Amino acid sequence: MKERVTIREVAKEANVSIATVSKALNDVDVVKPKTKEKVIAAAKKLHYTPNLMGKNLKAKRTKMIGFYTHTIIGPYFSTLIEAIVKEAEKHHYGVNVIISSDKQVLTSHLLGNMVDGFIGFEDLIDDEALSTIQSERINAVFMDRQINDRSISSIVFASRKAGRLATKELIAKGHQKIGFLPGHPGVYDSDERYLGYIQAMRAAELTVNDTWIIPGLFEEKASFENIDHYLKTTDKKDWPTAWIAGNDLSAIGVIKAVEANNLQVPNDFSVIGFDDIELLRYFKPRVTTVQNPIRTQGKEAVIELLALIAGDKAGENKILDCRLIRGETTTAVELQK
């Protein structure tokens, strides 16, 4: 069976943007007649059929909001989705969870008017998709980029501050050699936490050794394997005395790697994570972490999105504050063996 032609293919054939195709086919009068003719010709040539379900829903609300992500693995996502669904139900809305790394899936879903608005992440939104969202006035709330427009808001963590908090906590305990395990490159929270770490180290006039920056990828397994390899292949005199992990799962991986090498936390290394996930209640030693209000982020994202849908407000940036939760994985450097 032949796959259905997408709006992206029509845009490519006509050499215009997806937003222009959408406007031309929906008879929006801002499109120049010549451009409209070119789009219609391309659509006919490719036998493109618009999403009829989307057209039928154009004039009314779907009572559905979308949650778009490339993964739901890990405690952050499970907590976030639970909070989003719970808050949406209070307002008699359903949640359509789309898990895909294919940006075309997102674009087609949005232009098909399957939802009244969406909550999502930057890694699924390229410049073309963002332009479409803005021009079509699609209601959106981003969780990992600071952006606001007439129909777009963002609700993010104070991740740069969190990075500074974690680093300053270790510096206050006498640590001068502090390593960092970033998450995935280009991810807002990881990048911001790392920048906060760099800022605090520079403010204290401390050197950041490149060999202390080890990928953790926000995963326990990757953090364990990379720290284990580092400890086995690096001279002890070159080790840092503390690690800041990109999130709590990464911190757990670091601690397990330290213990696997017959070392101890915090006696040999101090360790700090981020998020304050539920799992920390059951893990020993209790991990020192910077708490991010994940449930609040999910709840506020829904409230913000519904206000945009109702036309009650314009988009804005909102930053949720963080706080340090001291556990059992940090100690003063002079107390370390």
Protein backbone atom coordinates (compact mmCIF):
# COMPACT_ATOMS: atom_id res chain seq x y z
CA MET A 1 0.00 0.00 0.00
CA LYS A 2 1.39 3.39 -1.00
CA GLU A 3 2.21 5.71 1.90
CA ARG A 4 0.12 8.84 2.22
CA VAL A 5 1.77 11.99 0.86
CA THR A 6 2.67 14.44 3.62
CA ILE A 7 2.41 18.22 3.74
CA ARG A 8 6.20 18.35 4.00
CA GLU A 9 6.50 16.69 0.58
CA VAL A 10 4.12 19.22 -0.92
CA ALA A 11 6.17 22.05 0.61
CA LYS A 12 9.35 20.59 -0.87
CA GLU A 13 7.77 20.18 -4.32
CA ALA A 14 6.47 23.76 -4.30
CA ASN A 15 9.68 25.09 -2.73
CA VAL A 16 7.81 26.85 0.08
CA SER A 17 7.42 26.37 3.83
CA ILE A 18 4.97 23.98 5.46
CA ALA A 19 3.17 26.99 6.92
CA THR A 20 2.68 28.44 3.44
CA VAL A 21 1.24 25.14 2.17
CA SER A 22 -1.17 25.06 5.10
CA LYS A 23 -2.32 28.65 4.48
CA ALA A 24 -2.68 28.14 0.71
CA LEU A 25 -4.73 24.96 1.05
CA ASN A 26 -6.89 26.50 3.77
CA ASP A 27 -7.53 29.58 1.61
CA VAL A 28 -5.86 32.04 3.97
CA ASP A 29 -5.67 35.32 2.03
CA VAL A 30 -2.12 36.28 3.10
CA VAL A 31 -0.69 33.92 0.46
CA LYS A 32 0.11 35.52 -2.89
CA PRO A 33 -2.00 34.19 -5.79
CA LYS A 34 1.06 32.95 -7.70
CA THR A 35 2.34 31.09 -4.64
CA LYS A 36 -1.09 29.61 -4.01
CA GLU A 37 -1.27 28.34 -7.59
CA LYS A 38 2.15 26.75 -7.22
CA VAL A 39 1.11 25.01 -3.98
CA ILE A 40 -2.16 23.72 -5.45
CA ALA A 41 -0.31 22.43 -8.51
CA ALA A 42 2.19 20.61 -6.30
CA ALA A 43 -0.60 19.10 -4.20
CA LYS A 44 -2.41 17.86 -7.33
CA LYS A 45 0.78 16.44 -8.81
CA LEU A 46 1.53 14.47 -5.65
CA HIS A 47 -2.13 13.52 -5.09
CA TYR A 48 -2.00 15.09 -1.64
CA THR A 49 -5.13 14.67 0.49
CA PRO A 50 -5.44 17.02 3.49
CA ASN A 51 -6.30 15.59 6.88
CA LEU A 52 -10.12 15.58 6.75
CA MET A 53 -10.41 14.84 10.43
CA GLY A 54 -8.36 17.95 11.14
CA LYS A 55 -10.58 20.04 8.86
CA ASN A 56 -13.73 18.78 10.55
CA LEU A 57 -12.32 19.76 13.91
CA LYS A 58 -11.11 23.16 12.74
CA ALA A 59 -14.08 25.09 14.03
CA LYS A 60 -14.33 23.45 17.45
CA ARG A 61 -12.27 22.29 20.38
CA THR A 62 -11.02 18.72 20.56
CA LYS A 63 -10.76 18.76 24.38
CA MET A 64 -7.40 17.08 23.89
CA ILE A 65 -3.89 18.36 24.50
CA GLY A 66 -0.77 16.77 23.09
CA PHE A 67 2.36 15.77 24.94
CA TYR A 68 5.21 15.30 22.49
CA THR A 69 8.51 13.68 23.44
CA HIS A 70 11.14 11.38 21.99
CA THR A 71 11.16 9.21 25.14
CA ILE A 72 9.29 8.54 28.37
CA ILE A 73 12.09 6.51 29.93
CA GLY A 74 13.17 7.50 33.42
CA PRO A 75 11.56 8.85 36.60
CA TYR A 76 11.43 12.44 35.34
CA PHE A 77 9.06 11.57 32.51
CA SER A 78 6.86 9.22 34.52
CA THR A 79 6.39 11.89 37.21
CA LEU A 80 5.84 14.65 34.63
CA ILE A 81 3.26 12.73 32.58
CA GLU A 82 1.36 11.70 35.69
CA ALA A 83 1.14 15.36 36.76
CA ILE A 84 0.06 16.50 33.27
CA VAL A 85 -2.68 13.87 32.97
CA LYS A 86 -3.96 14.51 36.49
CA GLU A 87 -4.23 18.28 35.96
CA ALA A 88 -5.76 17.90 32.49
CA GLU A 89 -8.49 15.63 33.87
CA LYS A 90 -9.45 18.33 36.37
CA HIS A 91 -10.29 20.55 33.40
CA HIS A 92 -12.05 17.74 31.48
CA TYR A 93 -9.23 17.41 28.96
CA GLY A 94 -7.59 14.27 27.67
CA VAL A 95 -3.87 13.91 26.90
CA ASN A 96 -2.57 12.47 23.66
CA VAL A 97 1.00 11.25 24.27
CA ILE A 98 3.10 11.07 21.08
CA ILE A 99 6.49 9.37 21.43
CA SER A 100 8.60 9.82 18.33
CA SER A 101 11.93 11.20 17.12
CA ASP A 102 10.37 11.97 13.74
CA LYS A 103 9.70 15.70 13.47
CA GLN A 104 7.30 15.01 10.59
CA VAL A 105 5.01 13.07 12.95
CA LEU A 106 4.81 16.12 15.19
CA THR A 107 4.21 18.57 12.34
CA SER A 108 1.50 16.46 10.71
CA HIS A 109 -0.23 15.94 14.04
CA LEU A 110 -0.28 19.65 14.80
CA LEU A 111 -1.46 20.77 11.38
CA GLY A 112 -4.13 18.08 11.46
CA ASN A 113 -5.74 19.84 14.43
CA MET A 114 -5.83 16.64 16.45
CA VAL A 115 -5.27 18.60 19.66
CA ASP A 116 -6.09 22.10 20.93
CA GLY A 117 -2.46 22.69 21.91
CA PHE A 118 0.63 20.82 22.99
CA ILE A 119 3.31 20.49 25.64
CA GLY A 120 6.70 19.50 24.27
CA PHE A 121 10.44 19.62 24.09
CA GLU A 122 12.92 21.57 21.99
CA ASP A 123 14.64 18.56 20.43
CA LEU A 124 11.50 17.80 18.41
CA ILE A 125 11.12 21.36 17.15
CA ASP A 126 13.39 22.66 14.39
CA ASP A 127 13.27 26.22 13.05
CA GLU A 128 10.80 25.28 10.31
CA ALA A 129 8.40 23.62 12.75
CA LEU A 130 8.67 26.56 15.14
CA SER A 131 7.89 28.96 12.30
CA THR A 132 4.81 26.89 11.48
CA ILE A 133 3.69 26.86 15.12
CA GLN A 134 4.06 30.63 15.33
CA SER A 135 2.41 31.47 12.00
CA GLU A 136 -0.49 29.09 12.61
CA ARG A 137 -0.82 30.37 16.19
CA ILE A 138 -0.76 26.85 17.53
CA ASN A 139 -0.95 26.94 21.33
CA ALA A 140 2.18 25.47 22.87
CA VAL A 141 4.14 25.21 26.12
CA PHE A 142 7.81 24.23 25.98
CA MET A 143 9.48 22.47 28.90
CA ASP A 144 13.11 22.95 27.91
CA ARG A 145 13.57 26.23 26.08
CA GLN A 146 12.84 29.81 27.04
CA ILE A 147 10.57 31.19 24.36
CA ASN A 148 7.37 33.18 24.31
CA ASP A 149 5.08 34.40 21.57
CA ARG A 150 1.39 35.19 21.23
CA SER A 151 0.46 31.52 21.56
CA ILE A 152 3.65 30.06 23.05
CA SER A 153 4.86 29.87 26.65
CA SER A 154 7.69 28.06 28.39
CA ILE A 155 7.93 26.56 31.86
CA VAL A 156 11.48 25.57 32.68
CA PHE A 157 13.64 24.82 35.70
CA ALA A 158 16.21 27.31 37.03
CA SER A 159 18.87 24.88 35.84
CA ARG A 160 21.78 27.33 35.65
CA LYS A 161 21.12 28.35 39.23
CA ALA A 162 20.91 24.65 40.14
CA GLY A 163 24.35 24.06 38.63
CA ARG A 164 25.76 26.95 40.65
CA LEU A 165 24.11 25.70 43.85
CA ALA A 166 25.58 22.22 43.51
CA THR A 167 29.06 23.55 42.71
CA LYS A 168 29.06 26.12 45.51
CA GLU A 169 28.00 23.44 48.00
CA LEU A 170 31.08 21.41 47.14
CA ILE A 171 33.39 24.43 47.08
CA ALA A 172 32.12 25.42 50.54
CA LYS A 173 33.22 21.96 51.74
CA GLY A 174 36.73 22.59 50.48
CA HIS A 175 36.57 20.82 47.12
CA GLN A 176 38.66 22.39 44.37
CA LYS A 177 38.80 19.50 41.91
CA ILE A 178 35.21 18.95 40.84
CA GLY A 179 34.08 16.82 37.90
CA PHE A 180 30.82 17.03 35.93
CA LEU A 181 28.73 14.44 34.06
CA PRO A 182 26.58 16.25 31.47
CA GLY A 183 23.45 14.71 29.97
CA HIS A 184 22.78 14.67 26.25
CA PRO A 185 24.45 17.53 24.35
CA GLY A 186 22.07 20.26 23.29
CA VAL A 187 19.50 19.45 25.97
CA TYR A 188 18.45 22.63 27.78
CA ASP A 189 18.66 21.42 31.39
CA SER A 190 22.01 19.69 30.85
CA ASP A 191 23.54 22.70 29.11
CA GLU A 192 22.24 25.12 31.74
CA ARG A 193 23.47 23.00 34.68
CA TYR A 194 26.88 22.77 33.07
CA LEU A 195 27.01 26.55 32.53
CA GLY A 196 26.11 27.08 36.20
CA TYR A 197 28.93 24.73 37.19
CA ILE A 198 31.39 26.61 34.96
CA GLN A 199 30.25 29.97 36.36
CA ALA A 200 30.71 28.84 39.98
CA MET A 201 34.13 27.33 39.28
CA ARG A 202 35.33 30.50 37.53
CA ALA A 203 33.93 32.71 40.30
CA ALA A 204 35.99 30.70 42.79
CA GLU A 205 39.01 30.90 40.44
CA LEU A 206 39.15 27.12 40.18
CA THR A 207 40.39 25.21 37.15
CA VAL A 208 38.08 22.93 35.16
CA ASN A 209 40.06 19.98 33.87
CA ASP A 210 38.65 18.62 30.61
CA THR A 211 39.31 15.04 31.75
CA TRP A 212 36.83 15.60 34.60
CA ILE A 213 33.98 16.23 32.15
CA ILE A 214 32.61 12.75 31.51
CA PRO A 215 29.34 12.01 29.63
CA GLY A 216 26.58 10.65 31.85
CA LEU A 217 23.73 10.99 29.32
CA PHE A 218 21.21 11.24 32.19
CA GLU A 219 21.53 7.43 32.52
CA GLU A 220 22.64 5.19 35.37
CA LYS A 221 24.25 2.67 32.99
CA ALA A 222 26.25 5.18 30.94
CA SER A 223 27.41 6.99 34.08
CA PHE A 224 28.47 3.74 35.73
CA GLU A 225 30.41 2.53 32.69
CA ASN A 226 32.15 5.84 32.02
CA ILE A 227 33.18 6.50 35.63
CA ASP A 228 34.24 2.86 36.06
CA HIS A 229 36.45 3.17 32.98
CA TYR A 230 37.85 6.49 34.21
CA LEU A 231 38.79 5.11 37.63
CA LYS A 232 40.43 2.04 36.09
CA THR A 233 42.48 3.98 33.52
CA THR A 234 43.38 7.26 35.26
CA ASP A 235 46.12 7.79 37.82
CA LYS A 236 44.64 8.43 41.27
CA LYS A 237 46.59 11.70 41.63
CA ASP A 238 44.61 13.11 38.69
CA TRP A 239 41.15 12.28 40.09
CA PRO A 240 38.76 15.00 41.21
CA THR A 241 37.48 14.80 44.79
CA ALA A 242 33.83 15.29 43.82
CA TRP A 243 31.40 14.66 40.97
CA ILE A 244 28.33 16.62 39.94
CA ALA A 245 26.08 14.28 37.96
CA GLY A 246 23.65 15.55 35.31
CA ASN A 247 20.66 14.09 37.16
CA ASP A 248 19.91 11.69 40.03
CA LEU A 249 20.04 8.56 37.87
CA SER A 250 23.48 9.60 36.72
CA ALA A 251 24.51 10.22 40.36
CA ILE A 252 23.42 6.69 41.28
CA GLY A 253 25.53 5.34 38.41
CA VAL A 254 28.56 7.28 39.70
CA ILE A 255 28.10 5.96 43.25
CA LYS A 256 27.81 2.36 42.04
CA ALA A 257 30.95 2.75 39.90
CA VAL A 258 32.88 4.15 42.88
CA GLU A 259 31.77 1.23 45.05
CA ALA A 260 32.60 -1.27 42.29
CA ASN A 261 36.20 -0.05 42.50
CA ASN A 262 36.36 -0.67 46.27
CA LEU A 263 36.00 3.02 47.04
CA GLN A 264 33.36 4.85 49.06
CA VAL A 265 31.03 7.81 48.80
CA PRO A 266 31.53 10.29 50.43
CA ASN A 267 34.86 9.15 51.93
CA ASP A 268 36.66 9.00 48.58
CA PHE A 269 34.32 11.09 46.39
CA SER A 270 31.48 13.47 47.13
CA VAL A 271 28.54 13.21 44.69
CA ILE A 272 25.60 15.53 43.92
CA GLY A 273 22.69 14.97 41.50
CA PHE A 274 19.66 16.92 40.28
CA ASP A 275 15.85 16.46 40.40
CA ASP A 276 15.20 14.77 43.79
CA ILE A 277 13.41 11.79 42.19
CA GLU A 278 11.27 9.41 44.23
CA LEU A 279 13.86 6.63 43.86
CA LEU A 280 16.25 8.49 46.16
CA ARG A 281 13.98 7.67 49.11
CA TYR A 282 15.05 4.03 48.77
CA PHE A 283 18.70 4.39 47.73
CA LYS A 284 21.57 4.30 50.21
CA PRO A 285 23.52 6.45 50.79
CA ARG A 286 20.89 9.14 50.43
CA VAL A 287 21.99 11.29 47.48
CA THR A 288 22.54 15.01 47.93
CA THR A 289 20.57 16.63 45.13
CA VAL A 290 19.16 19.89 43.82
CA GLN A 291 15.38 19.56 43.87
CA ASN A 292 13.41 20.50 40.77
CA PRO A 293 9.61 20.72 41.16
CA ILE A 294 8.72 18.19 38.43
CA ARG A 295 5.07 17.78 39.44
CA THR A 296 4.66 21.55 39.60
CA GLN A 297 6.15 21.83 36.11
CA GLY A 298 3.59 19.36 34.73
CA LYS A 299 0.67 21.00 36.51
CA GLU A 300 1.68 24.55 35.55
CA ALA A 301 2.24 23.52 31.93
CA VAL A 302 -1.37 22.35 31.65
CA ILE A 303 -2.76 25.46 33.38
CA GLU A 304 -0.67 27.71 31.13
CA LEU A 305 -1.63 25.86 27.96
CA LEU A 306 -5.36 25.97 28.74
CA ALA A 307 -5.11 29.73 29.38
CA LEU A 308 -3.51 30.14 25.95
CA ILE A 309 -6.20 27.98 24.34
CA ALA A 310 -8.93 30.06 25.96
CA GLY A 311 -7.27 33.26 24.75
CA ASP A 312 -7.01 34.55 28.30
CA LYS A 313 -3.38 35.58 27.98
CA ALA A 314 -0.34 35.85 25.74
CA GLY A 315 2.62 33.52 26.06
CA GLU A 316 5.34 34.09 28.66
CA ASN A 317 8.46 32.51 30.13
CA LYS A 318 8.16 30.98 33.59
CA ILE A 319 11.14 29.72 35.56
CA LEU A 320 10.60 27.32 38.47
CA ASP A 321 13.02 27.73 41.36
CA CYS A 322 15.18 24.99 42.86
CA ARG A 323 16.67 24.16 46.26
CA LEU A 324 19.50 22.02 47.58
CA ILE A 325 18.54 18.87 49.50
CA ARG A 326 21.46 17.67 51.58
CA GLY A 327 21.88 13.91 51.85
CA GLU A 328 24.75 11.60 52.76
CA THR A 329 26.92 11.77 49.64
CA THR A 330 28.97 14.90 50.33
CA THR A 331 31.55 15.69 52.96
CA ALA A 332 34.31 18.20 53.65
CA VAL A 333 37.39 17.45 51.58
CA GLU A 334 39.67 17.20 54.63
CA LEU A 335 37.47 14.40 55.97
CA GLN A 336 37.97 12.30 52.86
CA LYS A 337 40.59 9.59 53.10
